[in-house]
Amino acid sequence: GRQYNNSPDNAPTWHGYSTAKWDGDTLVVDSR
């Protein structure tokens, strides 16, 4: 249930900060 906090203090990443949730039977991964 956490959400990405777009803060200037975040360390930039290669793979992103990712959250996931289900949309029916599809896993949706959100990376920023």
PDB file of all heavy atoms in Angstrom:
ATOM      1  N   GLY A   1       0.784  -1.235   0.000  1.00  0.00           N
ATOM      2  CA  GLY A   1       0.000   0.000   0.000  1.00  0.00           C
ATOM      3  C   GLY A   1       0.810   1.276   0.000  1.00  0.00           C
ATOM      4  O   GLY A   1       0.234   2.365  -0.120  1.00  0.00           O
ATOM      5  N   ARG A   2       2.121   1.178   0.120  1.00  0.00           N
ATOM      6  CA  ARG A   2       2.938   2.402   0.111  1.00  0.00           C
ATOM      7  C   ARG A   2       2.871   3.066  -1.262  1.00  0.00           C
ATOM      8  O   ARG A   2       2.559   2.421  -2.271  1.00  0.00           O
ATOM      9  CB  ARG A   2       4.386   2.075   0.479  1.00  0.00           C
ATOM     10  CG  ARG A   2       5.157   1.331  -0.596  1.00  0.00           C
ATOM     11  CD  ARG A   2       6.553   0.989  -0.149  1.00  0.00           C
ATOM     12  NE  ARG A   2       6.549   0.042   0.973  1.00  0.00           N
ATOM     13  CZ  ARG A   2       7.625  -0.285   1.668  1.00  0.00           C
ATOM     14  NH1 ARG A   2       8.793   0.276   1.395  1.00  0.00           N
ATOM     15  NH2 ARG A   2       7.545  -1.163   2.650  1.00  0.00           N
ATOM     16  N   GLN A   3       3.193   4.363  -1.297  1.00  0.00           N
ATOM     17  CA  GLN A   3       3.185   5.124  -2.535  1.00  0.00           C
ATOM     18  C   GLN A   3       4.517   5.831  -2.693  1.00  0.00           C
ATOM     19  O   GLN A   3       5.157   6.219  -1.705  1.00  0.00           O
ATOM     20  CB  GLN A   3       2.048   6.151  -2.539  1.00  0.00           C
ATOM     21  CG  GLN A   3       0.655   5.528  -2.491  1.00  0.00           C
ATOM     22  CD  GLN A   3      -0.447   6.571  -2.485  1.00  0.00           C
ATOM     23  OE1 GLN A   3      -0.207   7.756  -2.289  1.00  0.00           O
ATOM     24  NE2 GLN A   3      -1.672   6.132  -2.712  1.00  0.00           N
ATOM     25  N   TYR A   4       4.942   5.988  -3.938  1.00  0.00           N
ATOM     26  CA  TYR A   4       6.212   6.649  -4.196  1.00  0.00           C
ATOM     27  C   TYR A   4       6.125   8.127  -3.838  1.00  0.00           C
ATOM     28  O   TYR A   4       5.197   8.833  -4.240  1.00  0.00           O
ATOM     29  CB  TYR A   4       6.604   6.494  -5.664  1.00  0.00           C
ATOM     30  CG  TYR A   4       7.853   7.260  -6.039  1.00  0.00           C
ATOM     31  CD1 TYR A   4       9.085   6.922  -5.487  1.00  0.00           C
ATOM     32  CD2 TYR A   4       7.800   8.328  -6.929  1.00  0.00           C
ATOM     33  CE1 TYR A   4      10.234   7.623  -5.815  1.00  0.00           C
ATOM     34  CE2 TYR A   4       8.953   9.027  -7.281  1.00  0.00           C
ATOM     35  CZ  TYR A   4      10.158   8.672  -6.711  1.00  0.00           C
ATOM     36  OH  TYR A   4      11.294   9.369  -7.039  1.00  0.00           O
ATOM     37  N   ASN A   5       7.096   8.608  -3.086  1.00  0.00           N
ATOM     38  CA  ASN A   5       7.177  10.002  -2.690  1.00  0.00           C
ATOM     39  C   ASN A   5       8.248  10.685  -3.528  1.00  0.00           C
ATOM     40  O   ASN A   5       9.440  10.434  -3.345  1.00  0.00           O
ATOM     41  CB  ASN A   5       7.526  10.111  -1.198  1.00  0.00           C
ATOM     42  CG  ASN A   5       7.659  11.552  -0.749  1.00  0.00           C
ATOM     43  OD1 ASN A   5       7.133  12.456  -1.390  1.00  0.00           O
ATOM     44  ND2 ASN A   5       8.359  11.771   0.344  1.00  0.00           N
ATOM     45  N   ASN A   6       7.826  11.506  -4.459  1.00  0.00           N
ATOM     46  CA  ASN A   6       8.754  12.144  -5.390  1.00  0.00           C
ATOM     47  C   ASN A   6       9.482  13.282  -4.693  1.00  0.00           C
ATOM     48  O   ASN A   6       9.158  14.462  -4.858  1.00  0.00           O
ATOM     49  CB  ASN A   6       7.998  12.652  -6.615  1.00  0.00           C
ATOM     50  CG  ASN A   6       8.940  13.138  -7.699  1.00  0.00           C
ATOM     51  OD1 ASN A   6      10.136  12.827  -7.675  1.00  0.00           O
ATOM     52  ND2 ASN A   6       8.420  13.906  -8.629  1.00  0.00           N
ATOM     53  N   SER A   7      10.491  12.914  -3.921  1.00  0.00           N
ATOM     54  CA  SER A   7      11.239  13.888  -3.141  1.00  0.00           C
ATOM     55  C   SER A   7      12.610  14.113  -3.750  1.00  0.00           C
ATOM     56  O   SER A   7      13.233  13.168  -4.262  1.00  0.00           O
ATOM     57  CB  SER A   7      11.404  13.384  -1.698  1.00  0.00           C
ATOM     58  OG  SER A   7      12.356  14.164  -0.994  1.00  0.00           O
ATOM     59  N   PRO A   8      13.130  15.354  -3.724  1.00  0.00           N
ATOM     60  CA  PRO A   8      14.480  15.606  -4.249  1.00  0.00           C
ATOM     61  C   PRO A   8      15.558  14.905  -3.430  1.00  0.00           C
ATOM     62  O   PRO A   8      16.704  14.809  -3.871  1.00  0.00           O
ATOM     63  CB  PRO A   8      14.608  17.137  -4.157  1.00  0.00           C
ATOM     64  CG  PRO A   8      13.608  17.550  -3.131  1.00  0.00           C
ATOM     65  CD  PRO A   8      12.475  16.594  -3.253  1.00  0.00           C
ATOM     66  N   ASP A   9      15.202  14.416  -2.251  1.00  0.00           N
ATOM     67  CA  ASP A   9      16.171  13.715  -1.411  1.00  0.00           C
ATOM     68  C   ASP A   9      16.310  12.244  -1.775  1.00  0.00           C
ATOM     69  O   ASP A   9      17.191  11.553  -1.246  1.00  0.00           O
ATOM     70  CB  ASP A   9      15.766  13.818   0.068  1.00  0.00           C
ATOM     71  CG  ASP A   9      15.800  15.251   0.574  1.00  0.00           C
ATOM     72  OD1 ASP A   9      16.646  16.035   0.085  1.00  0.00           O
ATOM     73  OD2 ASP A   9      14.988  15.594   1.457  1.00  0.00           O
ATOM     74  N   ASN A  10      15.449  11.751  -2.667  1.00  0.00           N
ATOM     75  CA  ASN A  10      15.533  10.347  -3.058  1.00  0.00           C
ATOM     76  C   ASN A  10      16.809  10.070  -3.839  1.00  0.00           C
ATOM     77  O   ASN A  10      17.180  10.849  -4.730  1.00  0.00           O
ATOM     78  CB  ASN A  10      14.335   9.957  -3.924  1.00  0.00           C
ATOM     79  CG  ASN A  10      13.030   9.958  -3.153  1.00  0.00           C
ATOM     80  OD1 ASN A  10      13.021   9.895  -1.928  1.00  0.00           O
ATOM     81  ND2 ASN A  10      11.918  10.015  -3.866  1.00  0.00           N
ATOM     82  N   ALA A  11      17.467   8.981  -3.528  1.00  0.00           N
ATOM     83  CA  ALA A  11      18.626   8.560  -4.317  1.00  0.00           C
ATOM     84  C   ALA A  11      18.143   8.042  -5.665  1.00  0.00           C
ATOM     85  O   ALA A  11      17.259   7.185  -5.720  1.00  0.00           O
ATOM     86  CB  ALA A  11      19.396   7.471  -3.574  1.00  0.00           C
ATOM     87  N   PRO A  12      18.670   8.557  -6.776  1.00  0.00           N
ATOM     88  CA  PRO A  12      18.257   8.054  -8.094  1.00  0.00           C
ATOM     89  C   PRO A  12      18.698   6.608  -8.277  1.00  0.00           C
ATOM     90  O   PRO A  12      19.729   6.190  -7.752  1.00  0.00           O
ATOM     91  CB  PRO A  12      18.967   8.995  -9.074  1.00  0.00           C
ATOM     92  CG  PRO A  12      20.123   9.550  -8.308  1.00  0.00           C
ATOM     93  CD  PRO A  12      19.702   9.619  -6.875  1.00  0.00           C
ATOM     94  N   THR A  13      17.908   5.842  -9.036  1.00  0.00           N
ATOM     95  CA  THR A  13      18.141   4.409  -9.145  1.00  0.00           C
ATOM     96  C   THR A  13      18.147   3.938 -10.602  1.00  0.00           C
ATOM     97  O   THR A  13      17.628   4.609 -11.496  1.00  0.00           O
ATOM     98  CB  THR A  13      17.051   3.619  -8.403  1.00  0.00           C
ATOM     99  OG1 THR A  13      15.798   3.807  -9.075  1.00  0.00           O
ATOM    100  CG2 THR A  13      16.916   4.082  -6.957  1.00  0.00           C
ATOM    101  N   TRP A  14      18.703   2.754 -10.824  1.00  0.00           N
ATOM    102  CA  TRP A  14      18.693   2.108 -12.127  1.00  0.00           C
ATOM    103  C   TRP A  14      17.378   1.375 -12.373  1.00  0.00           C
ATOM    104  O   TRP A  14      16.902   1.323 -13.500  1.00  0.00           O
ATOM    105  CB  TRP A  14      19.846   1.116 -12.242  1.00  0.00           C
ATOM    106  CG  TRP A  14      21.190   1.747 -12.352  1.00  0.00           C
ATOM    107  CD1 TRP A  14      22.051   2.009 -11.329  1.00  0.00           C
ATOM    108  CD2 TRP A  14      21.834   2.207 -13.542  1.00  0.00           C
ATOM    109  NE1 TRP A  14      23.195   2.602 -11.803  1.00  0.00           N
ATOM    110  CE2 TRP A  14      23.089   2.728 -13.161  1.00  0.00           C
ATOM    111  CE3 TRP A  14      21.469   2.219 -14.887  1.00  0.00           C
ATOM    112  CZ2 TRP A  14      23.988   3.262 -14.088  1.00  0.00           C
ATOM    113  CZ3 TRP A  14      22.359   2.739 -15.813  1.00  0.00           C
ATOM    114  CH2 TRP A  14      23.612   3.263 -15.413  1.00  0.00           C
ATOM    115  N   HIS A  15      16.809   0.778 -11.322  1.00  0.00           N
ATOM    116  CA  HIS A  15      15.615  -0.040 -11.482  1.00  0.00           C
ATOM    117  C   HIS A  15      14.354   0.634 -10.951  1.00  0.00           C
ATOM    118  O   HIS A  15      13.261   0.080 -11.076  1.00  0.00           O
ATOM    119  CB  HIS A  15      15.811  -1.388 -10.782  1.00  0.00           C
ATOM    120  CG  HIS A  15      16.886  -2.220 -11.407  1.00  0.00           C
ATOM    121  ND1 HIS A  15      18.083  -2.480 -10.793  1.00  0.00           N
ATOM    122  CD2 HIS A  15      16.945  -2.825 -12.619  1.00  0.00           C
ATOM    123  CE1 HIS A  15      18.836  -3.222 -11.594  1.00  0.00           C
ATOM    124  NE2 HIS A  15      18.174  -3.445 -12.705  1.00  0.00           N
ATOM    125  N   GLY A  16      14.503   1.800 -10.372  1.00  0.00           N
ATOM    126  CA  GLY A  16      13.348   2.537  -9.903  1.00  0.00           C
ATOM    127  C   GLY A  16      12.864   2.082  -8.539  1.00  0.00           C
ATOM    128  O   GLY A  16      13.244   1.026  -8.023  1.00  0.00           O
ATOM    129  N   TYR A  17      12.029   2.905  -7.948  1.00  0.00           N
ATOM    130  CA  TYR A  17      11.280   2.540  -6.741  1.00  0.00           C
ATOM    131  C   TYR A  17       9.941   2.006  -7.226  1.00  0.00           C
ATOM    132  O   TYR A  17       9.174   2.715  -7.874  1.00  0.00           O
ATOM    133  CB  TYR A  17      11.090   3.760  -5.840  1.00  0.00           C
ATOM    134  CG  TYR A  17      12.381   4.339  -5.307  1.00  0.00           C
ATOM    135  CD1 TYR A  17      13.023   5.383  -5.972  1.00  0.00           C
ATOM    136  CD2 TYR A  17      12.966   3.836  -4.151  1.00  0.00           C
ATOM    137  CE1 TYR A  17      14.208   5.917  -5.490  1.00  0.00           C
ATOM    138  CE2 TYR A  17      14.148   4.365  -3.656  1.00  0.00           C
ATOM    139  CZ  TYR A  17      14.767   5.406  -4.332  1.00  0.00           C
ATOM    140  OH  TYR A  17      15.943   5.932  -3.858  1.00  0.00           O
ATOM    141  N   SER A  18       9.651   0.746  -6.910  1.00  0.00           N
ATOM    142  CA  SER A  18       8.517   0.071  -7.535  1.00  0.00           C
ATOM    143  C   SER A  18       7.461  -0.336  -6.523  1.00  0.00           C
ATOM    144  O   SER A  18       7.776  -0.825  -5.431  1.00  0.00           O
ATOM    145  CB  SER A  18       8.996  -1.173  -8.294  1.00  0.00           C
ATOM    146  OG  SER A  18       9.872  -0.821  -9.342  1.00  0.00           O
ATOM    147  N   THR A  19       6.217  -0.133  -6.923  1.00  0.00           N
ATOM    148  CA  THR A  19       5.071  -0.647  -6.180  1.00  0.00           C
ATOM    149  C   THR A  19       4.274  -1.548  -7.133  1.00  0.00           C
ATOM    150  O   THR A  19       4.443  -1.481  -8.348  1.00  0.00           O
ATOM    151  CB  THR A  19       4.176   0.483  -5.657  1.00  0.00           C
ATOM    152  OG1 THR A  19       3.706   1.262  -6.780  1.00  0.00           O
ATOM    153  CG2 THR A  19       4.935   1.390  -4.689  1.00  0.00           C
ATOM    154  N   ALA A  20       3.420  -2.391  -6.566  1.00  0.00           N
ATOM    155  CA  ALA A  20       2.662  -3.320  -7.404  1.00  0.00           C
ATOM    156  C   ALA A  20       1.264  -3.499  -6.844  1.00  0.00           C
ATOM    157  O   ALA A  20       1.024  -3.350  -5.641  1.00  0.00           O
ATOM    158  CB  ALA A  20       3.378  -4.667  -7.494  1.00  0.00           C
ATOM    159  N   LYS A  21       0.339  -3.822  -7.737  1.00  0.00           N
ATOM    160  CA  LYS A  21      -1.034  -4.119  -7.346  1.00  0.00           C
ATOM    161  C   LYS A  21      -1.651  -5.016  -8.411  1.00  0.00           C
ATOM    162  O   LYS A  21      -1.125  -5.133  -9.529  1.00  0.00           O
ATOM    163  CB  LYS A  21      -1.853  -2.832  -7.201  1.00  0.00           C
ATOM    164  CG  LYS A  21      -1.997  -2.035  -8.489  1.00  0.00           C
ATOM    165  CD  LYS A  21      -2.777  -0.751  -8.264  1.00  0.00           C
ATOM    166  CE  LYS A  21      -2.919   0.039  -9.567  1.00  0.00           C
ATOM    167  NZ  LYS A  21      -3.669   1.306  -9.363  1.00  0.00           N
ATOM    168  N   TRP A  22      -2.762  -5.638  -8.061  1.00  0.00           N
ATOM    169  CA  TRP A  22      -3.452  -6.503  -9.003  1.00  0.00           C
ATOM    170  C   TRP A  22      -4.534  -5.741  -9.753  1.00  0.00           C
ATOM    171  O   TRP A  22      -5.266  -4.948  -9.170  1.00  0.00           O
ATOM    172  CB  TRP A  22      -4.089  -7.690  -8.282  1.00  0.00           C
ATOM    173  CG  TRP A  22      -3.092  -8.680  -7.755  1.00  0.00           C
ATOM    174  CD1 TRP A  22      -2.672  -8.817  -6.471  1.00  0.00           C
ATOM    175  CD2 TRP A  22      -2.390  -9.668  -8.521  1.00  0.00           C
ATOM    176  NE1 TRP A  22      -1.748  -9.824  -6.379  1.00  0.00           N
ATOM    177  CE2 TRP A  22      -1.558 -10.368  -7.627  1.00  0.00           C
ATOM    178  CE3 TRP A  22      -2.393 -10.021  -9.875  1.00  0.00           C
ATOM    179  CZ2 TRP A  22      -0.735 -11.407  -8.044  1.00  0.00           C
ATOM    180  CZ3 TRP A  22      -1.562 -11.054 -10.293  1.00  0.00           C
ATOM    181  CH2 TRP A  22      -0.746 -11.733  -9.381  1.00  0.00           C
ATOM    182  N   ASP A  23      -4.594  -5.974 -11.048  1.00  0.00           N
ATOM    183  CA  ASP A  23      -5.689  -5.514 -11.898  1.00  0.00           C
ATOM    184  C   ASP A  23      -6.322  -6.781 -12.464  1.00  0.00           C
ATOM    185  O   ASP A  23      -5.889  -7.285 -13.501  1.00  0.00           O
ATOM    186  CB  ASP A  23      -5.167  -4.598 -12.993  1.00  0.00           C
ATOM    187  CG  ASP A  23      -6.278  -4.107 -13.915  1.00  0.00           C
ATOM    188  OD1 ASP A  23      -7.463  -4.329 -13.594  1.00  0.00           O
ATOM    189  OD2 ASP A  23      -5.948  -3.507 -14.962  1.00  0.00           O
ATOM    190  N   GLY A  24      -7.301  -7.325 -11.785  1.00  0.00           N
ATOM    191  CA  GLY A  24      -7.816  -8.639 -12.147  1.00  0.00           C
ATOM    192  C   GLY A  24      -6.751  -9.679 -11.907  1.00  0.00           C
ATOM    193  O   GLY A  24      -6.207  -9.794 -10.803  1.00  0.00           O
ATOM    194  N   ASP A  25      -6.384 -10.416 -12.953  1.00  0.00           N
ATOM    195  CA  ASP A  25      -5.337 -11.430 -12.846  1.00  0.00           C
ATOM    196  C   ASP A  25      -3.991 -10.935 -13.360  1.00  0.00           C
ATOM    197  O   ASP A  25      -3.068 -11.728 -13.570  1.00  0.00           O
ATOM    198  CB  ASP A  25      -5.737 -12.685 -13.633  1.00  0.00           C
ATOM    199  CG  ASP A  25      -6.767 -13.527 -12.886  1.00  0.00           C
ATOM    200  OD1 ASP A  25      -6.976 -13.287 -11.679  1.00  0.00           O
ATOM    201  OD2 ASP A  25      -7.352 -14.432 -13.522  1.00  0.00           O
ATOM    202  N   THR A  26      -3.865  -9.642 -13.576  1.00  0.00           N
ATOM    203  CA  THR A  26      -2.612  -9.053 -14.051  1.00  0.00           C
ATOM    204  C   THR A  26      -1.925  -8.290 -12.938  1.00  0.00           C
ATOM    205  O   THR A  26      -2.551  -7.455 -12.268  1.00  0.00           O
ATOM    206  CB  THR A  26      -2.876  -8.107 -15.235  1.00  0.00           C
ATOM    207  OG1 THR A  26      -3.384  -8.860 -16.342  1.00  0.00           O
ATOM    208  CG2 THR A  26      -1.602  -7.394 -15.671  1.00  0.00           C
ATOM    209  N   LEU A  27      -0.635  -8.574 -12.713  1.00  0.00           N
ATOM    210  CA  LEU A  27       0.154  -7.830 -11.744  1.00  0.00           C
ATOM    211  C   LEU A  27       0.714  -6.589 -12.429  1.00  0.00           C
ATOM    212  O   LEU A  27       1.416  -6.691 -13.444  1.00  0.00           O
ATOM    213  CB  LEU A  27       1.295  -8.685 -11.199  1.00  0.00           C
ATOM    214  CG  LEU A  27       2.146  -8.006 -10.120  1.00  0.00           C
ATOM    215  CD1 LEU A  27       1.358  -7.848  -8.821  1.00  0.00           C
ATOM    216  CD2 LEU A  27       3.440  -8.780  -9.870  1.00  0.00           C
ATOM    217  N   VAL A  28       0.396  -5.411 -11.883  1.00  0.00           N
ATOM    218  CA  VAL A  28       0.827  -4.146 -12.466  1.00  0.00           C
ATOM    219  C   VAL A  28       1.909  -3.546 -11.581  1.00  0.00           C
ATOM    220  O   VAL A  28       1.664  -3.249 -10.404  1.00  0.00           O
ATOM    221  CB  VAL A  28      -0.344  -3.166 -12.613  1.00  0.00           C
ATOM    222  CG1 VAL A  28       0.125  -1.874 -13.270  1.00  0.00           C
ATOM    223  CG2 VAL A  28      -1.481  -3.799 -13.407  1.00  0.00           C
ATOM    224  N   VAL A  29       3.108  -3.382 -12.131  1.00  0.00           N
ATOM    225  CA  VAL A  29       4.246  -2.837 -11.388  1.00  0.00           C
ATOM    226  C   VAL A  29       4.530  -1.430 -11.883  1.00  0.00           C
ATOM    227  O   VAL A  29       4.700  -1.200 -13.089  1.00  0.00           O
ATOM    228  CB  VAL A  29       5.489  -3.728 -11.553  1.00  0.00           C
ATOM    229  CG1 VAL A  29       6.689  -3.097 -10.841  1.00  0.00           C
ATOM    230  CG2 VAL A  29       5.223  -5.132 -11.007  1.00  0.00           C
ATOM    231  N   ASP A  30       4.573  -0.491 -10.961  1.00  0.00           N
ATOM    232  CA  ASP A  30       4.778   0.919 -11.257  1.00  0.00           C
ATOM    233  C   ASP A  30       6.156   1.327 -10.746  1.00  0.00           C
ATOM    234  O   ASP A  30       6.426   1.221  -9.546  1.00  0.00           O
ATOM    235  CB  ASP A  30       3.677   1.741 -10.576  1.00  0.00           C
ATOM    236  CG  ASP A  30       3.671   3.183 -11.014  1.00  0.00           C
ATOM    237  OD1 ASP A  30       4.367   3.990 -10.373  1.00  0.00           O
ATOM    238  OD2 ASP A  30       2.971   3.497 -11.979  1.00  0.00           O
ATOM    239  N   SER A  31       7.030   1.802 -11.638  1.00  0.00           N
ATOM    240  CA  SER A  31       8.422   2.107 -11.272  1.00  0.00           C
ATOM    241  C   SER A  31       8.757   3.554 -11.618  1.00  0.00           C
ATOM    242  O   SER A  31       8.552   4.001 -12.746  1.00  0.00           O
ATOM    243  CB  SER A  31       9.386   1.168 -12.012  1.00  0.00           C
ATOM    244  OG  SER A  31       9.070  -0.192 -11.774  1.00  0.00           O
ATOM    245  N   ARG A  32       9.293   4.260 -10.635  1.00  0.00           N
ATOM    246  CA  ARG A  32       9.690   5.660 -10.797  1.00  0.00           C
ATOM    247  C   ARG A  32      11.002   5.906 -10.046  1.00  0.00           C
ATOM    248  O   ARG A  32      11.482   5.033  -9.349  1.00  0.00           O
ATOM    249  CB  ARG A  32       8.618   6.609 -10.243  1.00  0.00           C
ATOM    250  CG  ARG A  32       7.205   6.417 -10.839  1.00  0.00           C
ATOM    251  CD  ARG A  32       6.192   7.226 -10.049  1.00  0.00           C
ATOM    252  NE  ARG A  32       4.816   6.975 -10.477  1.00  0.00           N
ATOM    253  CZ  ARG A  32       4.137   7.739 -11.331  1.00  0.00           C
ATOM    254  NH1 ARG A  32       4.708   8.822 -11.819  1.00  0.00           N
ATOM    255  NH2 ARG A  32       2.899   7.444 -11.672  1.00  0.00           N
TER     256      ARG A  32
END
